[in-house]
Amino acid sequence: MASDNATNWNQGKMRDVVEFYSGGDAFLKLEYTDHGIPVLAKGDVKPFGLIVHGDKRFISNELIDQRNYRKTIAGDFLLTTRDLTQDADFLGLLAPIPTDQEYLVNQGANIVRFNNKIDQRFIVYWCNGPIYRSYIKRHHVGSTQIHIRKDDFLDAPLFMPPLPEQRAIAHILGTLDDKIELNRKMNETLEAMARAIFKSWFVDFDPVRAKAEGRDTGLPKEIADLFPDSFEESELGDASAPLGTRVPKGWEVKTIGDISEIVGGSTPSTKESRYWIDGTHYWATPKDLSDLKTHVLFGTERKITDDGLLQIASGLLPQGTVLLSSRAPIGYLAISEIPVAINQGFIAMLPKNNVSNLFLLFWAEWAQEEIVSRANGSTFLEISKSNFRPIPLVAPSDPIFNAYEEIARPIYNRLICSVRESHNLATMRDALLPKLISGEIRVKDANRFSKVIE
């Protein structure tokens, strides 16, 4: 309920501000192409008004004209009306559809447009608040795939302060989210920089090719001198393999097991409360990696006790361990920035000698196809530690490993600082949001929080 402080707020329903509501179009899989107008789906809607297009669904302009599919216009919002989970955490979320171009919307999401009684950003935050979220969790229907009906959405509660106060609340929360989004984009750039150096040095062998052809490597002389100027045949012996047969002269063909210690984890019995109650050690499952926006793990959903930790042979893995989900699905990746124990859904890589964990991270990302090819299983694919350890790679000399670490580590450290800042900003937003949109904190009181983000 609204706070007693919010005496001048209108307590109405969503239908009071919705002026347009339409379902998406039912596209056939065979209609999707890799060009044309992008198609938005329910999975593209993220909390707090963010839309991230999956980059895999497009419809050609010719088919759009032929079928008369509806394109989005400025002012359209995407509403998630279906959820594959049973928790309804992604049901009923709203996000403004970007106006950088036209989009299409498929079934499973709906298009909503609002009148001028509501601030366009305030409504997004309202739909992430506890009053609305509680209503959605009580009013969805269905079993296999839960959904929210149109009338139930339109009957959802909506508390509206005067429009100037709506805008002020949206500005405070939006400033936080804008900074989080700016950090996200910067983090993508930083990660791409470290990945690009890895690919250039260890996949494409650009410095070696440049020296072999008498070209400038583009690297400082002290680093360029570390690379050989020719290639030699390797023991891989398969020209169709990801590494081919020719490798930089003097580099060694090794396995991932040669340069990192490979361990797995397990799940202490969930029936034994002494393994879980008041746990102090982070315990990770692949789900903890599924929503990461970068390859950095700062925490997990669950913790285990000292007794629980004794049930896991690999124990507590140190900060800097590289985690790879080994099943359902294979391929989630992260460097753990916390000591962590893991369940049986992981392969963990602990660097040996001078090997950088950033090298291991980007190698595992690049070698994804090879990793999956060595998996087996009937219910779901899984790669075992015994199948993972022998995967071959070409290892440079220690000085080159060290040079990569010296260049990539500062980039990664900048990313870490940015991720930490975003985590703190999100914590602040999550604390402020329910108080602001219920009237418990009025804008004049909340303004002091804005000084933190200036």
Protein backbone atom coordinates (compact mmCIF):
# COMPACT_ATOMS: atom_id res chain seq x y z
CA MET A 1 0.00 0.00 0.00
CA ALA A 2 1.03 3.57 -0.47
CA SER A 3 2.56 5.38 2.45
CA ASP A 4 0.49 7.84 4.48
CA ASN A 5 2.95 10.44 3.17
CA ALA A 6 1.51 9.95 -0.33
CA THR A 7 -1.90 11.45 0.42
CA ASN A 8 -2.15 13.22 -2.93
CA TRP A 9 -1.35 10.13 -5.01
CA ASN A 10 -3.98 8.63 -7.28
CA GLN A 11 -4.44 4.92 -6.58
CA GLY A 12 -5.83 3.51 -9.78
CA LYS A 13 -5.24 0.70 -12.30
CA MET A 14 -3.13 0.17 -15.40
CA ARG A 15 -6.19 0.61 -17.60
CA ASP A 16 -6.31 4.25 -16.49
CA VAL A 17 -3.14 5.01 -18.44
CA VAL A 18 -3.09 2.41 -21.27
CA GLU A 19 -4.34 3.79 -24.58
CA PHE A 20 -3.17 0.96 -26.88
CA TYR A 21 -2.65 -2.78 -26.32
CA SER A 22 -1.82 -5.25 -29.09
CA GLY A 23 -0.43 -8.75 -29.33
CA GLY A 24 2.64 -9.61 -31.35
CA ASP A 25 2.61 -11.46 -34.66
CA ALA A 26 2.96 -15.23 -35.01
CA PHE A 27 6.03 -15.62 -37.20
CA LEU A 28 7.08 -19.00 -38.55
CA LYS A 29 10.63 -20.17 -37.90
CA LEU A 30 11.24 -20.50 -41.62
CA GLU A 31 10.38 -16.82 -42.05
CA TYR A 32 13.35 -15.66 -39.99
CA THR A 33 16.41 -14.46 -41.88
CA ASP A 34 19.73 -12.86 -40.99
CA HIS A 35 18.74 -9.48 -42.43
CA GLY A 36 15.78 -7.13 -42.60
CA ILE A 37 13.74 -5.77 -39.68
CA PRO A 38 14.70 -7.15 -36.25
CA VAL A 39 12.04 -9.08 -34.32
CA LEU A 40 11.69 -8.52 -30.58
CA ALA A 41 10.62 -11.35 -28.28
CA LYS A 42 9.72 -11.67 -24.60
CA GLY A 43 13.26 -12.77 -23.77
CA ASP A 44 14.62 -9.45 -25.06
CA VAL A 45 12.97 -7.56 -22.20
CA LYS A 46 15.22 -7.17 -19.17
CA PRO A 47 14.36 -5.62 -15.79
CA PHE A 48 14.35 -1.84 -15.39
CA GLY A 49 13.36 -1.04 -18.95
CA LEU A 50 16.23 -2.53 -20.91
CA ILE A 51 15.74 -4.28 -24.26
CA VAL A 52 18.52 -6.42 -25.69
CA HIS A 53 17.75 -7.83 -29.14
CA GLY A 54 19.01 -11.37 -29.58
CA ASP A 55 20.46 -10.59 -33.05
CA LYS A 56 19.09 -13.84 -34.46
CA ARG A 57 15.57 -12.93 -35.57
CA PHE A 58 14.91 -10.78 -38.63
CA ILE A 59 12.09 -10.61 -41.17
CA SER A 60 12.70 -9.44 -44.73
CA ASN A 61 11.08 -6.22 -45.89
CA GLU A 62 9.46 -8.11 -48.76
CA LEU A 63 7.63 -10.47 -46.38
CA ILE A 64 6.63 -7.59 -44.12
CA ASP A 65 4.96 -5.84 -47.04
CA GLN A 66 3.35 -9.08 -48.19
CA ARG A 67 1.91 -10.02 -44.76
CA ASN A 68 1.33 -6.46 -43.58
CA TYR A 69 3.13 -7.05 -40.30
CA ARG A 70 2.94 -4.17 -37.82
CA LYS A 71 6.14 -2.24 -37.19
CA THR A 72 6.75 -0.47 -33.91
CA ILE A 73 6.54 3.31 -33.61
CA ALA A 74 7.87 5.85 -31.13
CA GLY A 75 6.10 5.50 -27.79
CA ASP A 76 5.59 1.72 -28.02
CA PHE A 77 6.51 -0.42 -25.02
CA LEU A 78 7.20 -4.13 -24.98
CA LEU A 79 5.28 -6.10 -22.33
CA THR A 80 6.21 -9.67 -21.41
CA THR A 81 3.01 -11.68 -21.19
CA ARG A 82 4.51 -15.19 -21.04
CA ASP A 83 7.22 -16.75 -18.88
CA LEU A 84 8.85 -20.15 -19.33
CA THR A 85 9.74 -20.24 -15.63
CA GLN A 86 7.25 -20.75 -12.81
CA ASP A 87 8.58 -17.86 -10.71
CA ALA A 88 7.01 -15.12 -12.89
CA ASP A 89 10.08 -12.95 -12.36
CA PHE A 90 10.06 -11.93 -16.05
CA LEU A 91 6.27 -11.77 -16.43
CA GLY A 92 4.63 -8.38 -16.82
CA LEU A 93 7.86 -6.43 -17.29
CA LEU A 94 7.78 -3.29 -19.42
CA ALA A 95 10.50 -1.72 -21.55
CA PRO A 96 10.35 1.14 -24.05
CA ILE A 97 11.10 -0.08 -27.55
CA PRO A 98 14.17 1.74 -28.93
CA THR A 99 13.47 4.38 -31.55
CA ASP A 100 16.78 3.98 -33.39
CA GLN A 101 14.93 1.91 -36.00
CA GLU A 102 11.69 0.02 -36.62
CA TYR A 103 11.09 -3.35 -34.99
CA LEU A 104 8.60 -6.19 -35.18
CA VAL A 105 7.21 -8.02 -32.15
CA ASN A 106 6.48 -11.74 -32.05
CA GLN A 107 3.83 -13.55 -30.05
CA GLY A 108 4.58 -13.99 -26.38
CA ALA A 109 5.13 -10.27 -26.00
CA ASN A 110 2.69 -7.44 -26.42
CA ILE A 111 2.85 -3.81 -27.50
CA VAL A 112 1.52 -1.24 -25.04
CA ARG A 113 1.27 2.53 -25.33
CA PHE A 114 0.41 4.95 -22.54
CA ASN A 115 -1.43 8.25 -22.32
CA ASN A 116 0.02 11.49 -20.97
CA LYS A 117 -1.12 10.87 -17.40
CA ILE A 118 1.95 8.76 -16.71
CA ASP A 119 5.65 9.44 -17.08
CA GLN A 120 7.09 6.95 -19.55
CA ARG A 121 10.02 6.02 -17.31
CA PHE A 122 8.09 6.07 -14.03
CA ILE A 123 5.81 3.29 -15.32
CA VAL A 124 8.85 1.09 -15.97
CA TYR A 125 9.99 1.43 -12.37
CA TRP A 126 6.48 0.86 -11.08
CA CYS A 127 6.45 -2.48 -12.92
CA ASN A 128 9.64 -3.45 -11.10
CA GLY A 129 8.25 -2.49 -7.70
CA PRO A 130 6.89 -4.82 -4.99
CA ILE A 131 3.21 -3.86 -5.23
CA TYR A 132 2.93 -4.58 -8.95
CA ARG A 133 5.26 -7.62 -8.84
CA SER A 134 3.20 -9.16 -6.02
CA TYR A 135 0.03 -8.67 -8.06
CA ILE A 136 1.55 -10.32 -11.16
CA LYS A 137 2.72 -13.33 -9.15
CA ARG A 138 -0.84 -13.81 -7.84
CA HIS A 139 -2.70 -13.34 -11.11
CA HIS A 140 -0.83 -15.29 -13.77
CA VAL A 141 -2.48 -18.39 -15.24
CA GLY A 142 -1.27 -21.57 -16.93
CA SER A 143 0.96 -24.43 -15.84
CA THR A 144 3.47 -25.41 -18.54
CA GLN A 145 3.89 -21.80 -19.67
CA ILE A 146 2.45 -19.21 -17.33
CA HIS A 147 0.99 -16.04 -18.80
CA ILE A 148 -0.87 -12.91 -17.82
CA ARG A 149 -4.19 -12.14 -19.47
CA LYS A 150 -4.93 -8.73 -20.93
CA ASP A 151 -7.68 -7.86 -18.45
CA ASP A 152 -5.57 -8.98 -15.51
CA PHE A 153 -2.75 -6.73 -16.66
CA LEU A 154 -5.12 -3.81 -17.15
CA ASP A 155 -6.52 -4.37 -13.64
CA ALA A 156 -3.04 -4.30 -12.05
CA PRO A 157 -2.69 -1.63 -9.35
CA LEU A 158 -1.01 1.68 -10.17
CA PHE A 159 -0.16 4.41 -7.68
CA MET A 160 0.42 7.73 -9.42
CA PRO A 161 1.94 10.75 -7.73
CA PRO A 162 1.49 14.10 -9.51
CA LEU A 163 3.29 14.10 -12.86
CA PRO A 164 6.16 16.37 -11.71
CA GLU A 165 6.87 13.96 -8.85
CA GLN A 166 6.70 10.99 -11.23
CA ARG A 167 9.35 12.64 -13.36
CA ALA A 168 11.52 13.42 -10.37
CA ILE A 169 11.34 9.80 -9.12
CA ALA A 170 12.12 8.49 -12.61
CA HIS A 171 15.05 10.89 -12.87
CA ILE A 172 16.61 9.72 -9.61
CA LEU A 173 16.26 6.03 -10.42
CA GLY A 174 17.02 6.59 -14.09
CA THR A 175 20.30 8.35 -13.33
CA LEU A 176 21.44 5.23 -11.52
CA ASP A 177 20.35 2.94 -14.35
CA ASP A 178 21.90 5.18 -17.00
CA LYS A 179 25.26 4.90 -15.26
CA ILE A 180 24.85 1.12 -14.96
CA GLU A 181 24.09 0.91 -18.68
CA LEU A 182 27.06 3.13 -19.51
CA ASN A 183 29.27 0.82 -17.46
CA ARG A 184 27.82 -2.21 -19.23
CA LYS A 185 28.73 -0.81 -22.63
CA MET A 186 32.20 0.13 -21.42
CA ASN A 187 32.67 -3.36 -19.99
CA GLU A 188 31.76 -4.89 -23.33
CA THR A 189 34.43 -2.73 -24.94
CA LEU A 190 37.06 -3.64 -22.33
CA GLU A 191 36.32 -7.35 -22.62
CA ALA A 192 36.43 -7.10 -26.41
CA MET A 193 39.87 -5.46 -26.21
CA ALA A 194 41.33 -8.30 -24.13
CA ARG A 195 39.63 -10.86 -26.39
CA ALA A 196 40.99 -9.20 -29.52
CA ILE A 197 44.56 -9.33 -28.23
CA PHE A 198 44.13 -13.01 -27.37
CA LYS A 199 42.80 -13.81 -30.85
CA SER A 200 45.51 -11.82 -32.59
CA TRP A 201 48.38 -13.40 -30.65
CA PHE A 202 47.20 -16.95 -29.98
CA VAL A 203 44.68 -17.80 -32.69
CA ASP A 204 45.61 -15.80 -35.80
CA PHE A 205 49.32 -15.52 -34.82
CA ASP A 206 49.35 -12.00 -36.31
CA PRO A 207 52.74 -10.94 -34.86
CA VAL A 208 54.40 -14.09 -36.22
CA ARG A 209 52.81 -13.67 -39.66
CA ALA A 210 53.86 -10.03 -39.79
CA LYS A 211 57.48 -10.85 -38.96
CA ALA A 212 57.51 -13.78 -41.41
CA GLU A 213 56.33 -11.41 -44.16
CA GLY A 214 58.69 -8.62 -43.17
CA ARG A 215 55.90 -6.35 -41.95
CA ASP A 216 55.69 -4.23 -38.82
CA THR A 217 53.87 -6.07 -36.01
CA GLY A 218 52.45 -2.88 -34.58
CA LEU A 219 53.78 -3.91 -31.17
CA PRO A 220 56.47 -2.27 -29.05
CA LYS A 221 59.89 -3.67 -29.99
CA GLU A 222 60.42 -5.40 -26.65
CA ILE A 223 57.19 -7.35 -27.16
CA ALA A 224 57.61 -7.95 -30.90
CA ASP A 225 61.05 -9.45 -30.23
CA LEU A 226 59.43 -12.18 -28.13
CA PHE A 227 57.61 -13.63 -31.15
CA PRO A 228 59.29 -15.97 -33.69
CA ASP A 229 59.45 -15.01 -37.35
CA SER A 230 58.43 -18.34 -38.90
CA PHE A 231 56.14 -21.33 -38.58
CA GLU A 232 56.81 -25.07 -38.32
CA GLU A 233 54.78 -28.22 -38.68
CA SER A 234 53.23 -29.42 -35.45
CA GLU A 235 52.28 -32.83 -34.12
CA LEU A 236 48.59 -32.01 -34.45
CA GLY A 237 48.62 -33.62 -37.88
CA ASP A 238 45.14 -32.54 -38.94
CA ALA A 239 44.81 -29.64 -41.33
CA SER A 240 41.07 -29.46 -40.66
CA ALA A 241 41.52 -29.10 -36.90
CA PRO A 242 40.90 -25.68 -35.30
CA LEU A 243 44.65 -25.15 -34.85
CA GLY A 244 45.67 -26.50 -38.25
CA THR A 245 49.12 -28.12 -38.50
CA ARG A 246 51.52 -25.16 -38.65
CA VAL A 247 52.33 -23.32 -35.45
CA PRO A 248 54.79 -20.55 -34.53
CA LYS A 249 58.34 -21.89 -34.40
CA GLY A 250 59.34 -22.93 -30.91
CA TRP A 251 55.80 -22.92 -29.52
CA GLU A 252 54.68 -26.19 -27.97
CA VAL A 253 51.58 -28.27 -28.57
CA LYS A 254 50.15 -28.93 -25.13
CA THR A 255 46.77 -29.77 -23.64
CA ILE A 256 44.55 -27.65 -21.47
CA GLY A 257 45.35 -30.12 -18.70
CA ASP A 258 49.06 -29.31 -19.06
CA ILE A 259 48.63 -25.61 -18.36
CA SER A 260 45.81 -25.71 -15.80
CA GLU A 261 44.60 -27.94 -13.01
CA ILE A 262 41.16 -29.27 -13.93
CA VAL A 263 38.71 -30.00 -11.11
CA GLY A 264 34.98 -30.46 -10.67
CA GLY A 265 32.52 -30.07 -7.84
CA SER A 266 29.45 -31.62 -6.22
CA THR A 267 26.30 -30.82 -4.29
CA PRO A 268 26.17 -31.56 -0.55
CA SER A 269 22.92 -33.27 0.44
CA THR A 270 20.14 -30.69 0.49
CA LYS A 271 18.43 -32.78 3.19
CA GLU A 272 21.22 -32.02 5.64
CA SER A 273 20.56 -28.57 7.07
CA ARG A 274 23.99 -28.49 8.68
CA TYR A 275 25.47 -28.19 5.19
CA TRP A 276 23.43 -25.10 4.30
CA ILE A 277 21.92 -23.19 7.23
CA ASP A 278 23.98 -20.10 8.05
CA GLY A 279 26.50 -21.00 5.34
CA THR A 280 29.46 -18.69 4.88
CA HIS A 281 31.16 -20.08 1.74
CA TYR A 282 29.93 -19.15 -1.73
CA TRP A 283 28.68 -22.19 -3.66
CA ALA A 284 28.10 -21.79 -7.41
CA THR A 285 25.88 -23.50 -9.94
CA PRO A 286 25.75 -22.70 -13.69
CA LYS A 287 22.64 -20.60 -13.00
CA ASP A 288 24.88 -18.12 -11.19
CA LEU A 289 26.69 -17.54 -14.50
CA SER A 290 23.65 -17.51 -16.78
CA ASP A 291 22.72 -13.85 -16.22
CA LEU A 292 26.20 -12.37 -15.94
CA LYS A 293 26.72 -9.36 -18.20
CA THR A 294 30.48 -9.90 -18.09
CA HIS A 295 32.67 -12.92 -17.42
CA VAL A 296 33.08 -11.93 -13.77
CA LEU A 297 31.53 -13.70 -10.76
CA PHE A 298 31.25 -11.64 -7.56
CA GLY A 299 28.74 -13.73 -5.63
CA THR A 300 26.28 -16.60 -5.75
CA GLU A 301 22.70 -17.32 -4.75
CA ARG A 302 23.60 -19.87 -2.08
CA LYS A 303 26.27 -20.44 0.53
CA ILE A 304 27.39 -23.60 2.30
CA THR A 305 28.79 -24.25 5.75
CA ASP A 306 32.17 -25.65 6.76
CA ASP A 307 30.54 -29.09 6.99
CA GLY A 308 29.08 -28.67 3.51
CA LEU A 309 32.45 -27.67 2.13
CA LEU A 310 33.95 -30.92 3.44
CA GLN A 311 31.55 -32.83 1.16
CA ILE A 312 33.14 -31.33 -1.98
CA ALA A 313 36.45 -32.91 -2.98
CA SER A 314 37.72 -29.78 -4.74
CA GLY A 315 37.02 -27.70 -1.63
CA LEU A 316 37.03 -23.93 -1.75
CA LEU A 317 38.57 -22.77 -5.03
CA PRO A 318 40.69 -19.62 -4.89
CA GLN A 319 39.86 -16.23 -6.33
CA GLY A 320 40.87 -16.16 -9.99
CA THR A 321 39.58 -19.65 -10.82
CA VAL A 322 38.10 -19.93 -14.31
CA LEU A 323 34.67 -21.61 -14.30
CA LEU A 324 33.11 -23.35 -17.31
CA SER A 325 29.62 -24.85 -17.17
CA SER A 326 30.01 -28.41 -18.37
CA ARG A 327 26.37 -29.28 -19.03
CA ALA A 328 22.87 -27.91 -19.62
CA PRO A 329 24.27 -25.87 -21.31
CA ILE A 330 27.98 -26.15 -21.94
CA GLY A 331 29.74 -22.82 -22.22
CA TYR A 332 28.86 -20.37 -19.46
CA LEU A 333 32.19 -18.83 -18.47
CA ALA A 334 33.46 -16.62 -15.67
CA ILE A 335 36.48 -15.77 -13.60
CA SER A 336 35.51 -15.99 -9.95
CA GLU A 337 36.55 -12.91 -8.01
CA ILE A 338 35.64 -14.67 -4.78
CA PRO A 339 36.76 -17.95 -3.18
CA VAL A 340 34.01 -20.36 -4.27
CA ALA A 341 32.93 -24.00 -4.12
CA ILE A 342 31.16 -25.44 -7.16
CA ASN A 343 28.56 -28.05 -7.98
CA GLN A 344 28.87 -30.91 -10.47
CA GLY A 345 27.80 -28.69 -13.38
CA PHE A 346 31.24 -27.12 -13.71
CA ILE A 347 34.74 -27.69 -14.90
CA ALA A 348 37.11 -25.39 -13.02
CA MET A 349 40.50 -24.34 -14.39
CA LEU A 350 43.27 -23.22 -12.02
CA PRO A 351 46.23 -21.74 -13.93
CA LYS A 352 49.63 -23.42 -13.60
CA ASN A 353 53.02 -21.68 -13.64
CA ASN A 354 52.97 -18.43 -15.65
CA VAL A 355 49.65 -19.01 -17.41
CA SER A 356 47.16 -16.13 -17.13
CA ASN A 357 43.60 -16.94 -16.14
CA LEU A 358 42.58 -14.45 -18.85
CA PHE A 359 44.31 -16.70 -21.39
CA LEU A 360 42.30 -19.66 -20.05
CA LEU A 361 39.05 -17.68 -20.16
CA PHE A 362 39.39 -16.56 -23.76
CA TRP A 363 40.80 -19.91 -24.86
CA ALA A 364 37.70 -21.67 -23.49
CA GLU A 365 35.48 -19.14 -25.24
CA TRP A 366 37.33 -19.59 -28.55
CA ALA A 367 37.45 -23.41 -28.22
CA GLN A 368 33.72 -23.72 -27.50
CA GLU A 369 33.00 -25.77 -30.62
CA GLU A 370 35.84 -28.18 -29.87
CA ILE A 371 34.71 -28.51 -26.24
CA VAL A 372 31.14 -29.33 -27.23
CA SER A 373 32.33 -31.85 -29.82
CA ARG A 374 33.92 -33.88 -27.01
CA ALA A 375 30.74 -33.96 -24.91
CA ASN A 376 28.35 -36.86 -24.69
CA GLY A 377 25.09 -37.79 -23.03
CA SER A 378 21.53 -38.78 -23.88
CA THR A 379 19.41 -36.50 -21.68
CA PHE A 380 21.77 -33.54 -22.14
CA LEU A 381 25.29 -33.04 -23.42
CA GLU A 382 28.03 -32.97 -20.80
CA ILE A 383 31.78 -32.80 -21.12
CA SER A 384 33.66 -34.77 -18.50
CA LYS A 385 36.96 -33.74 -16.97
CA SER A 386 38.63 -36.74 -18.62
CA ASN A 387 37.43 -35.60 -22.06
CA PHE A 388 38.30 -31.98 -21.36
CA ARG A 389 41.89 -32.34 -20.16
CA PRO A 390 43.32 -33.69 -23.49
CA ILE A 391 42.01 -30.83 -25.67
CA PRO A 392 45.10 -29.53 -27.52
CA LEU A 393 46.31 -25.98 -27.73
CA VAL A 394 49.45 -24.18 -28.83
CA ALA A 395 51.34 -22.69 -25.90
CA PRO A 396 53.85 -19.85 -26.38
CA SER A 397 56.96 -19.25 -24.30
CA ASP A 398 56.64 -17.94 -20.75
CA PRO A 399 57.79 -14.42 -21.73
CA ILE A 400 54.85 -14.16 -24.17
CA PHE A 401 52.44 -15.43 -21.52
CA ASN A 402 53.85 -12.76 -19.23
CA ALA A 403 53.54 -10.05 -21.89
CA TYR A 404 49.88 -10.92 -22.47
CA GLU A 405 49.23 -10.79 -18.74
CA GLU A 406 50.90 -7.38 -18.46
CA ILE A 407 48.75 -5.96 -21.26
CA ALA A 408 45.43 -7.68 -20.53
CA ARG A 409 45.45 -7.44 -16.73
CA PRO A 410 45.06 -3.63 -16.52
CA ILE A 411 42.13 -3.87 -18.95
CA TYR A 412 40.53 -6.55 -16.80
CA ASN A 413 41.14 -4.58 -13.60
CA ARG A 414 39.31 -1.59 -15.10
CA LEU A 415 36.43 -3.92 -15.90
CA ILE A 416 36.40 -5.22 -12.32
CA CYS A 417 36.16 -1.70 -10.92
CA SER A 418 33.32 -0.91 -13.29
CA VAL A 419 31.39 -4.07 -12.40
CA ARG A 420 31.78 -3.32 -8.69
CA GLU A 421 30.51 0.20 -9.21
CA SER A 422 27.49 -1.09 -11.13
CA HIS A 423 26.76 -3.58 -8.37
CA ASN A 424 26.78 -0.77 -5.79
CA LEU A 425 24.58 1.42 -7.98
CA ALA A 426 22.10 -1.43 -8.47
CA THR A 427 22.00 -2.02 -4.70
CA MET A 428 21.23 1.67 -4.18
CA ARG A 429 18.52 1.61 -6.86
CA ASP A 430 16.92 -1.52 -5.42
CA ALA A 431 16.82 0.06 -1.97
CA LEU A 432 15.38 3.36 -3.20
CA LEU A 433 12.83 2.04 -5.70
CA PRO A 434 10.19 0.56 -3.35
CA LYS A 435 10.42 3.54 -1.01
CA LEU A 436 10.12 6.12 -3.78
CA ILE A 437 7.24 4.56 -5.70
CA SER A 438 5.24 3.92 -2.53
CA GLY A 439 5.71 7.41 -1.15
CA GLU A 440 7.65 6.24 1.91
CA ILE A 441 10.42 8.56 0.74
CA ARG A 442 9.30 11.72 -0.98
CA VAL A 443 11.42 13.33 -3.64
CA LYS A 444 12.57 16.15 -1.39
CA ASP A 445 14.04 13.52 0.95
CA ALA A 446 15.46 11.41 -1.85
CA ASN A 447 17.33 14.25 -3.53
CA ARG A 448 20.20 13.84 -1.11
CA PHE A 449 20.90 10.41 -2.60
CA SER A 450 21.54 11.98 -5.99
CA LYS A 451 24.73 13.55 -4.64
CA VAL A 452 26.25 10.07 -4.49
CA ILE A 453 26.02 9.66 -8.25
CA GLU A 454 26.97 13.13 -9.44
